[in-house]
Amino acid sequence: MNSAALWAFIVKELRHIRRDRQTLTILLFMPLVQVVLFGFALRSDVRNVRIAFVEPAPDAATVALRNRFAATNRFRVVARVRRMDDVEPLFRRGEADVAIVTEPDFASHLSAGDTAHVAVIIDASDPNTGSVIRNYAQAVLAAYEGDLTENRGATRIITDVRMRFNPTLESVNLFVPGLIALVLTLVSALMTAISLSREKERGTLEVLLVSPLRPWQIIVGKVLPYLGLAFANVLTALLAAWLVFHVPFRGSVPLLLGESVLYALASLALGVLIAALSSSQRGAMMAAMLATMLPSALLSGMIFPIASMPRWLSPFTNVVPARWFIVIARGIMLKGIGLPYLWRETLVLIAMALVLITVAVRSFKPRLA
């Protein structure tokens, strides 16, 4: 009897899922799309390493060394400068991953058989990528030294490796800024989508239509508490990062808080849009998980470098708000940079927030009316 009752209950649930076509479509097709998309995104190897060369006195030896790096399938030369001061802005803007610095008399030392020095300066804000870049660079320099020894006799190149922004290669310095983005996504987008879809499913939102409030005012009243909760979560996350994990904080706290509010607004608008397009709470929850949490974790550069993803996949990362916020959070916390270096990412977040808010309000209005 109990087995029959259980079977009847299972059949009832299956019929309920079948009637909810939106949820059924998400359950059947979205995981397939996610597996294919993220299967290309998950890359533990490091490619397209952006390298800058500091050549105080360019000569045949520095050209040969530069060509050796460019000939590999790992490095991509993005700049050639005369002074190290010209590389610093590249690091702070995130336009270079490593700099190779040769001494002024590099070629003469090699010709005379003396010891030559090469400095390898690496952006180690991502410690895993920084370690891999160091191994790649040392391998290229070792091969170059071996070729010189074979052609000219004993030649020695001493490599001085320096890690910028995260010299101890602490992985927590990489993940904590990304975890702040995930927490904001969870509170802002996911909880908002579930809350609003639950109100729609129960029919309580329609009750508000008899009030003098307009649809956009109803939405603001519903999501504003989550914005306050998101702001409180940012404060507690930063406090935990500083006190528990000892993550360095070299930039402006008010700037990071302002950027966090901006990112939370974009996430809230995305949650409202998902709720507006969903016919049930279950569908909203699944859509929010697949559209916010997974891309924020896997397509934002939080874990896997975007430069290592296939070129056709990189444009998809541009529509993930977490990608831009993580660049901002890491830049402020680890590099101590401000708006002069982060203005582009800030403008992207502003544009995303405005577009998502506009689309969300317009999508929700006819469904309320």
Protein backbone atom coordinates (compact mmCIF):
# COMPACT_ATOMS: atom_id res chain seq x y z
CA MET A 1 0.00 0.00 0.00
CA ASN A 2 2.82 2.33 0.90
CA SER A 3 4.60 1.47 -2.35
CA ALA A 4 1.50 2.22 -4.36
CA ALA A 5 1.05 5.55 -2.60
CA LEU A 6 4.69 6.42 -3.20
CA TRP A 7 4.40 5.52 -6.89
CA ALA A 8 1.27 7.64 -7.23
CA PHE A 9 3.06 10.56 -5.61
CA ILE A 10 6.01 10.19 -8.01
CA VAL A 11 3.68 10.09 -11.02
CA LYS A 12 1.92 13.21 -9.74
CA GLU A 13 5.21 15.08 -9.44
CA LEU A 14 6.27 14.01 -12.93
CA ARG A 15 2.99 15.28 -14.34
CA HIS A 16 3.45 18.54 -12.48
CA ILE A 17 6.92 18.98 -13.99
CA ARG A 18 5.60 18.11 -17.44
CA ARG A 19 2.89 20.78 -17.16
CA ASP A 20 5.51 23.36 -16.17
CA ARG A 21 7.03 23.51 -19.65
CA GLN A 22 9.45 26.29 -18.81
CA THR A 23 11.03 24.35 -15.95
CA LEU A 24 11.09 21.19 -18.09
CA THR A 25 12.89 23.02 -20.90
CA ILE A 26 15.47 24.40 -18.45
CA LEU A 27 16.04 20.98 -16.89
CA LEU A 28 16.45 19.25 -20.26
CA PHE A 29 18.39 21.69 -22.41
CA MET A 30 20.18 24.22 -20.22
CA PRO A 31 22.48 21.64 -18.54
CA LEU A 32 23.55 20.44 -21.99
CA VAL A 33 24.38 23.99 -23.05
CA GLN A 34 26.21 24.62 -19.78
CA VAL A 35 28.29 21.44 -20.04
CA VAL A 36 29.36 22.22 -23.61
CA LEU A 37 30.08 25.88 -22.84
CA PHE A 38 31.94 25.31 -19.59
CA GLY A 39 33.75 22.31 -21.03
CA PHE A 40 35.57 24.73 -23.33
CA ALA A 41 35.99 27.29 -20.54
CA LEU A 42 37.63 25.00 -17.98
CA ARG A 43 41.29 25.20 -18.87
CA SER A 44 43.99 24.62 -16.27
CA ASP A 45 46.80 25.39 -18.73
CA VAL A 46 47.89 28.98 -19.37
CA ARG A 47 47.98 30.41 -22.89
CA ASN A 48 48.24 33.82 -24.53
CA VAL A 49 50.50 35.17 -21.80
CA ARG A 50 50.92 38.88 -22.50
CA ILE A 51 54.59 39.77 -22.27
CA ALA A 52 56.30 43.16 -22.27
CA PHE A 53 60.01 43.62 -22.95
CA VAL A 54 62.05 46.27 -21.19
CA GLU A 55 65.10 46.88 -23.39
CA PRO A 56 67.23 49.83 -22.24
CA ALA A 57 69.59 49.25 -25.18
CA PRO A 58 68.00 47.08 -27.91
CA ASP A 59 70.50 44.95 -29.80
CA ALA A 60 70.72 41.67 -31.68
CA ALA A 61 70.73 39.63 -28.47
CA THR A 62 67.56 41.23 -27.08
CA VAL A 63 65.85 40.82 -30.46
CA ALA A 64 66.81 37.14 -30.51
CA LEU A 65 65.50 36.68 -26.99
CA ARG A 66 62.24 38.46 -27.84
CA ASN A 67 61.78 36.32 -30.95
CA ARG A 68 62.40 33.20 -28.86
CA PHE A 69 59.48 34.08 -26.59
CA ALA A 70 57.25 35.14 -29.50
CA ALA A 71 57.92 31.85 -31.31
CA THR A 72 56.30 29.83 -28.53
CA ASN A 73 52.56 29.20 -28.43
CA ARG A 74 52.35 30.50 -24.86
CA PHE A 75 53.52 34.12 -25.06
CA ARG A 76 52.21 37.13 -26.95
CA VAL A 77 54.35 40.27 -27.11
CA VAL A 78 52.22 43.32 -26.25
CA ALA A 79 54.80 46.03 -25.58
CA ARG A 80 58.44 47.05 -26.01
CA VAL A 81 59.67 49.86 -23.77
CA ARG A 82 62.95 51.33 -22.60
CA ARG A 83 62.17 51.82 -18.88
CA MET A 84 60.54 49.73 -16.19
CA ASP A 85 58.40 52.73 -15.26
CA ASP A 86 56.59 52.31 -18.59
CA VAL A 87 55.60 48.73 -17.67
CA GLU A 88 53.98 49.65 -14.36
CA PRO A 89 50.83 51.13 -15.99
CA LEU A 90 50.50 47.96 -18.09
CA PHE A 91 50.48 45.83 -14.95
CA ARG A 92 47.99 48.08 -13.17
CA ARG A 93 45.62 48.16 -16.15
CA GLY A 94 45.90 44.39 -16.52
CA GLU A 95 47.35 44.65 -20.03
CA ALA A 96 50.54 42.66 -19.33
CA ASP A 97 51.15 39.48 -17.35
CA VAL A 98 54.94 39.43 -17.33
CA ALA A 99 57.85 41.72 -18.17
CA ILE A 100 61.30 40.61 -19.32
CA VAL A 101 63.97 43.14 -18.36
CA THR A 102 67.42 42.94 -19.94
CA GLU A 103 70.45 44.93 -18.78
CA PRO A 104 71.88 47.71 -21.01
CA ASP A 105 74.99 45.73 -21.99
CA PHE A 106 73.20 42.41 -22.39
CA ALA A 107 74.72 41.58 -25.79
CA SER A 108 78.28 42.52 -24.78
CA HIS A 109 78.14 40.24 -21.74
CA LEU A 110 77.00 37.34 -23.88
CA SER A 111 79.67 37.99 -26.52
CA ALA A 112 82.41 38.12 -23.89
CA GLY A 113 81.22 34.95 -22.22
CA ASP A 114 80.40 36.81 -19.01
CA THR A 115 77.32 36.33 -16.86
CA ALA A 116 74.25 38.14 -18.18
CA HIS A 117 71.26 39.08 -16.04
CA VAL A 118 67.58 38.95 -16.98
CA ALA A 119 64.78 40.03 -14.65
CA VAL A 120 61.37 38.37 -14.96
CA ILE A 121 58.65 40.52 -13.37
CA ILE A 122 55.33 38.66 -13.06
CA ASP A 123 51.86 39.87 -12.10
CA ALA A 124 51.13 37.33 -9.36
CA SER A 125 47.69 38.58 -8.36
CA ASP A 126 46.66 35.17 -9.71
CA PRO A 127 49.25 32.97 -7.92
CA ASN A 128 48.53 29.81 -9.92
CA THR A 129 48.91 31.58 -13.24
CA GLY A 130 51.96 33.43 -11.92
CA SER A 131 53.69 30.16 -11.02
CA VAL A 132 52.97 28.69 -14.45
CA ILE A 133 54.24 31.83 -16.19
CA ARG A 134 57.44 31.67 -14.15
CA ASN A 135 58.04 28.07 -15.25
CA TYR A 136 57.33 28.93 -18.89
CA ALA A 137 59.68 31.93 -18.85
CA GLN A 138 62.48 30.03 -17.14
CA ALA A 139 62.14 27.20 -19.66
CA VAL A 140 62.47 29.63 -22.60
CA LEU A 141 65.48 31.35 -21.00
CA ALA A 142 67.12 28.00 -20.27
CA ALA A 143 66.67 26.90 -23.90
CA TYR A 144 68.07 30.23 -25.11
CA GLU A 145 71.07 29.84 -22.79
CA GLY A 146 71.62 26.30 -24.04
CA ASP A 147 71.68 27.41 -27.68
CA LEU A 148 74.18 30.18 -26.89
CA THR A 149 76.42 27.74 -25.01
CA GLU A 150 76.33 25.34 -27.93
CA ASN A 151 77.27 28.06 -30.45
CA ARG A 152 79.62 30.30 -28.42
CA GLY A 153 80.87 28.16 -25.56
CA ALA A 154 80.09 28.56 -21.88
CA THR A 155 77.38 31.18 -21.42
CA ARG A 156 75.49 31.87 -18.21
CA ILE A 157 72.23 33.78 -17.85
CA ILE A 158 71.08 34.50 -14.30
CA THR A 159 67.33 34.94 -13.98
CA ASP A 160 65.92 37.14 -11.24
CA VAL A 161 62.22 36.39 -10.76
CA ARG A 162 60.02 38.89 -8.93
CA MET A 163 56.35 38.42 -8.11
CA ARG A 164 54.29 41.61 -8.06
CA PHE A 165 51.14 42.29 -6.00
CA ASN A 166 51.20 38.84 -4.34
CA PRO A 167 54.84 37.97 -3.62
CA THR A 168 54.00 35.11 -1.24
CA LEU A 169 51.70 33.51 -3.86
CA GLU A 170 48.83 33.16 -1.39
CA SER A 171 45.86 31.61 -3.21
CA VAL A 172 43.44 33.20 -0.75
CA ASN A 173 44.37 36.60 -2.20
CA LEU A 174 43.02 35.37 -5.52
CA PHE A 175 39.80 33.75 -4.37
CA VAL A 176 38.50 36.16 -1.71
CA PRO A 177 37.69 39.00 -4.17
CA GLY A 178 35.91 36.45 -6.34
CA LEU A 179 33.99 35.09 -3.38
CA ILE A 180 32.69 38.59 -2.68
CA ALA A 181 31.23 38.58 -6.20
CA LEU A 182 29.63 35.18 -5.62
CA VAL A 183 28.09 36.31 -2.32
CA LEU A 184 26.65 39.41 -3.98
CA THR A 185 25.30 37.29 -6.83
CA LEU A 186 23.69 34.86 -4.39
CA VAL A 187 22.00 37.55 -2.32
CA SER A 188 21.13 39.93 -5.13
CA ALA A 189 20.23 37.89 -8.21
CA LEU A 190 19.31 34.45 -6.88
CA MET A 191 17.33 35.50 -3.81
CA THR A 192 15.56 38.30 -5.69
CA ALA A 193 14.49 35.96 -8.50
CA ILE A 194 13.19 33.36 -6.04
CA SER A 195 11.41 35.93 -3.85
CA LEU A 196 9.63 37.74 -6.69
CA SER A 197 8.67 34.54 -8.49
CA ARG A 198 7.19 33.19 -5.25
CA GLU A 199 5.10 36.35 -4.90
CA LYS A 200 3.92 35.97 -8.49
CA GLU A 201 3.05 32.32 -7.96
CA ARG A 202 1.01 33.11 -4.85
CA GLY A 203 -0.73 36.04 -6.55
CA THR A 204 0.23 38.55 -3.86
CA LEU A 205 1.86 40.92 -6.33
CA GLU A 206 -1.45 41.46 -8.10
CA VAL A 207 -2.95 42.56 -4.78
CA LEU A 208 -0.57 45.52 -4.82
CA LEU A 209 -2.07 46.78 -8.06
CA VAL A 210 -5.02 48.27 -6.16
CA SER A 211 -2.55 50.45 -4.24
CA PRO A 212 -1.36 53.84 -5.56
CA LEU A 213 2.10 52.39 -6.15
CA ARG A 214 3.34 52.05 -9.71
CA PRO A 215 4.95 48.82 -10.96
CA TRP A 216 8.47 50.20 -10.76
CA GLN A 217 7.82 51.37 -7.20
CA ILE A 218 6.60 47.89 -6.28
CA ILE A 219 9.78 46.39 -7.71
CA VAL A 220 11.97 48.91 -5.86
CA GLY A 221 10.17 48.15 -2.61
CA LYS A 222 10.71 44.44 -3.11
CA VAL A 223 14.40 44.55 -4.04
CA LEU A 224 15.67 47.43 -1.90
CA PRO A 225 15.97 45.27 1.24
CA TYR A 226 18.16 42.86 -0.71
CA LEU A 227 20.39 45.75 -1.76
CA GLY A 228 20.86 46.65 1.90
CA LEU A 229 21.54 43.01 2.73
CA ALA A 230 24.10 42.81 -0.08
CA PHE A 231 25.87 45.90 1.24
CA ALA A 232 26.00 44.38 4.74
CA ASN A 233 27.42 41.17 3.27
CA VAL A 234 30.18 43.10 1.53
CA LEU A 235 31.16 44.70 4.84
CA THR A 236 31.28 41.35 6.63
CA ALA A 237 33.17 39.72 3.73
CA LEU A 238 35.80 42.46 3.71
CA LEU A 239 36.13 42.22 7.49
CA ALA A 240 36.62 38.46 7.28
CA ALA A 241 39.15 38.87 4.44
CA TRP A 242 41.17 41.31 6.55
CA LEU A 243 40.94 39.69 9.98
CA VAL A 244 40.77 35.98 9.14
CA PHE A 245 42.64 35.56 5.86
CA HIS A 246 44.89 38.66 6.11
CA VAL A 247 44.25 39.62 2.51
CA PRO A 248 46.12 42.86 1.75
CA PHE A 249 43.97 45.90 1.16
CA ARG A 250 45.99 48.53 -0.68
CA GLY A 251 43.22 50.60 -2.26
CA SER A 252 40.26 52.75 -1.32
CA VAL A 253 37.57 51.14 0.85
CA PRO A 254 34.86 53.66 -0.16
CA LEU A 255 35.62 53.01 -3.83
CA LEU A 256 35.26 49.25 -3.39
CA LEU A 257 32.01 49.70 -1.46
CA GLY A 258 30.65 51.94 -4.21
CA GLU A 259 31.63 49.44 -6.90
CA SER A 260 30.02 46.66 -4.84
CA VAL A 261 26.73 48.58 -4.70
CA LEU A 262 26.93 49.09 -8.47
CA TYR A 263 27.51 45.37 -9.05
CA ALA A 264 24.69 44.51 -6.62
CA LEU A 265 22.32 46.77 -8.61
CA ALA A 266 23.18 44.95 -11.83
CA SER A 267 22.66 41.58 -10.10
CA LEU A 268 19.35 42.72 -8.60
CA ALA A 269 18.11 43.83 -12.01
CA LEU A 270 19.13 40.46 -13.46
CA GLY A 271 17.20 38.71 -10.70
CA VAL A 272 14.10 40.82 -11.41
CA LEU A 273 14.38 40.03 -15.14
CA ILE A 274 14.62 36.30 -14.45
CA ALA A 275 11.58 36.49 -12.16
CA ALA A 276 9.64 38.42 -14.81
CA LEU A 277 10.35 35.80 -17.47
CA SER A 278 9.71 32.81 -15.20
CA SER A 279 6.30 31.23 -14.75
CA SER A 280 7.10 29.44 -11.48
CA GLN A 281 9.38 29.66 -8.50
CA ARG A 282 11.05 26.42 -9.47
CA GLY A 283 11.82 27.70 -12.96
CA ALA A 284 13.14 30.98 -11.58
CA MET A 285 15.44 29.16 -9.18
CA MET A 286 16.86 26.92 -11.92
CA ALA A 287 17.24 29.80 -14.36
CA ALA A 288 18.94 31.97 -11.75
CA MET A 289 21.38 29.21 -10.81
CA LEU A 290 22.32 28.50 -14.41
CA ALA A 291 22.39 32.14 -15.55
CA THR A 292 24.18 33.73 -12.59
CA MET A 293 26.04 31.39 -10.23
CA LEU A 294 27.78 29.13 -12.75
CA PRO A 295 28.89 31.90 -15.15
CA SER A 296 30.05 34.00 -12.18
CA ALA A 297 32.22 31.12 -10.98
CA LEU A 298 33.52 29.76 -14.29
CA LEU A 299 33.39 32.54 -16.90
CA SER A 300 34.51 35.50 -14.79
CA GLY A 301 38.20 34.67 -14.45
CA MET A 302 37.72 33.87 -10.77
CA ILE A 303 39.20 30.37 -11.12
CA PHE A 304 40.24 29.90 -14.74
CA PRO A 305 42.12 32.61 -16.69
CA ILE A 306 40.03 34.15 -19.45
CA ALA A 307 43.10 34.43 -21.68
CA SER A 308 43.39 30.62 -21.70
CA MET A 309 39.85 30.12 -22.99
CA PRO A 310 39.20 29.64 -26.73
CA ARG A 311 38.98 32.91 -28.63
CA TRP A 312 35.37 32.31 -29.68
CA LEU A 313 34.40 31.92 -26.02
CA SER A 314 36.04 35.12 -24.74
CA PRO A 315 33.23 37.42 -26.01
CA PHE A 316 30.73 35.49 -23.89
CA THR A 317 32.64 36.46 -20.75
CA ASN A 318 32.02 40.14 -21.51
CA VAL A 319 28.32 39.79 -20.66
CA VAL A 320 29.05 38.31 -17.22
CA PRO A 321 28.94 41.19 -14.70
CA ALA A 322 31.15 39.26 -12.25
CA ARG A 323 34.03 39.37 -14.74
CA TRP A 324 34.24 43.16 -14.51
CA PHE A 325 33.64 43.33 -10.76
CA ILE A 326 36.38 40.78 -9.99
CA VAL A 327 38.87 42.86 -11.99
CA ILE A 328 37.82 45.89 -9.94
CA ALA A 329 37.99 44.07 -6.59
CA ARG A 330 41.40 42.54 -7.27
CA GLY A 331 42.74 45.82 -8.60
CA ILE A 332 41.65 47.77 -5.52
CA MET A 333 42.58 45.15 -2.94
CA LEU A 334 45.82 43.75 -4.35
CA LYS A 335 47.19 46.49 -6.63
CA GLY A 336 45.87 49.58 -4.84
CA ILE A 337 44.62 51.18 -8.05
CA GLY A 338 41.70 53.56 -8.42
CA LEU A 339 39.33 54.96 -11.03
CA PRO A 340 42.13 56.20 -13.35
CA TYR A 341 42.84 52.51 -14.05
CA LEU A 342 39.35 51.07 -13.45
CA TRP A 343 37.16 53.57 -15.31
CA ARG A 344 36.45 51.19 -18.19
CA GLU A 345 35.25 48.36 -15.91
CA THR A 346 33.18 50.86 -13.92
CA LEU A 347 31.49 52.20 -17.06
CA VAL A 348 30.71 48.64 -18.17
CA LEU A 349 29.03 47.90 -14.83
CA ILE A 350 27.07 51.16 -15.02
CA ALA A 351 25.88 50.33 -18.55
CA MET A 352 24.95 46.79 -17.52
CA ALA A 353 23.01 48.03 -14.49
CA LEU A 354 21.09 50.62 -16.53
CA VAL A 355 20.25 48.20 -19.34
CA LEU A 356 19.21 45.39 -16.99
CA ILE A 357 17.11 47.71 -14.82
CA THR A 358 15.32 49.13 -17.87
CA VAL A 359 14.64 45.72 -19.41
CA ALA A 360 13.60 44.22 -16.06
CA VAL A 361 11.08 46.98 -15.26
CA ARG A 362 9.59 46.85 -18.76
CA SER A 363 9.37 43.07 -18.65
CA PHE A 364 7.74 43.06 -15.24
CA LYS A 365 5.24 45.85 -15.90
CA PRO A 366 2.96 44.05 -18.42
CA ARG A 367 2.97 40.94 -16.25
CA LEU A 368 1.82 43.00 -13.27
CA ALA A 369 -0.76 44.82 -15.34
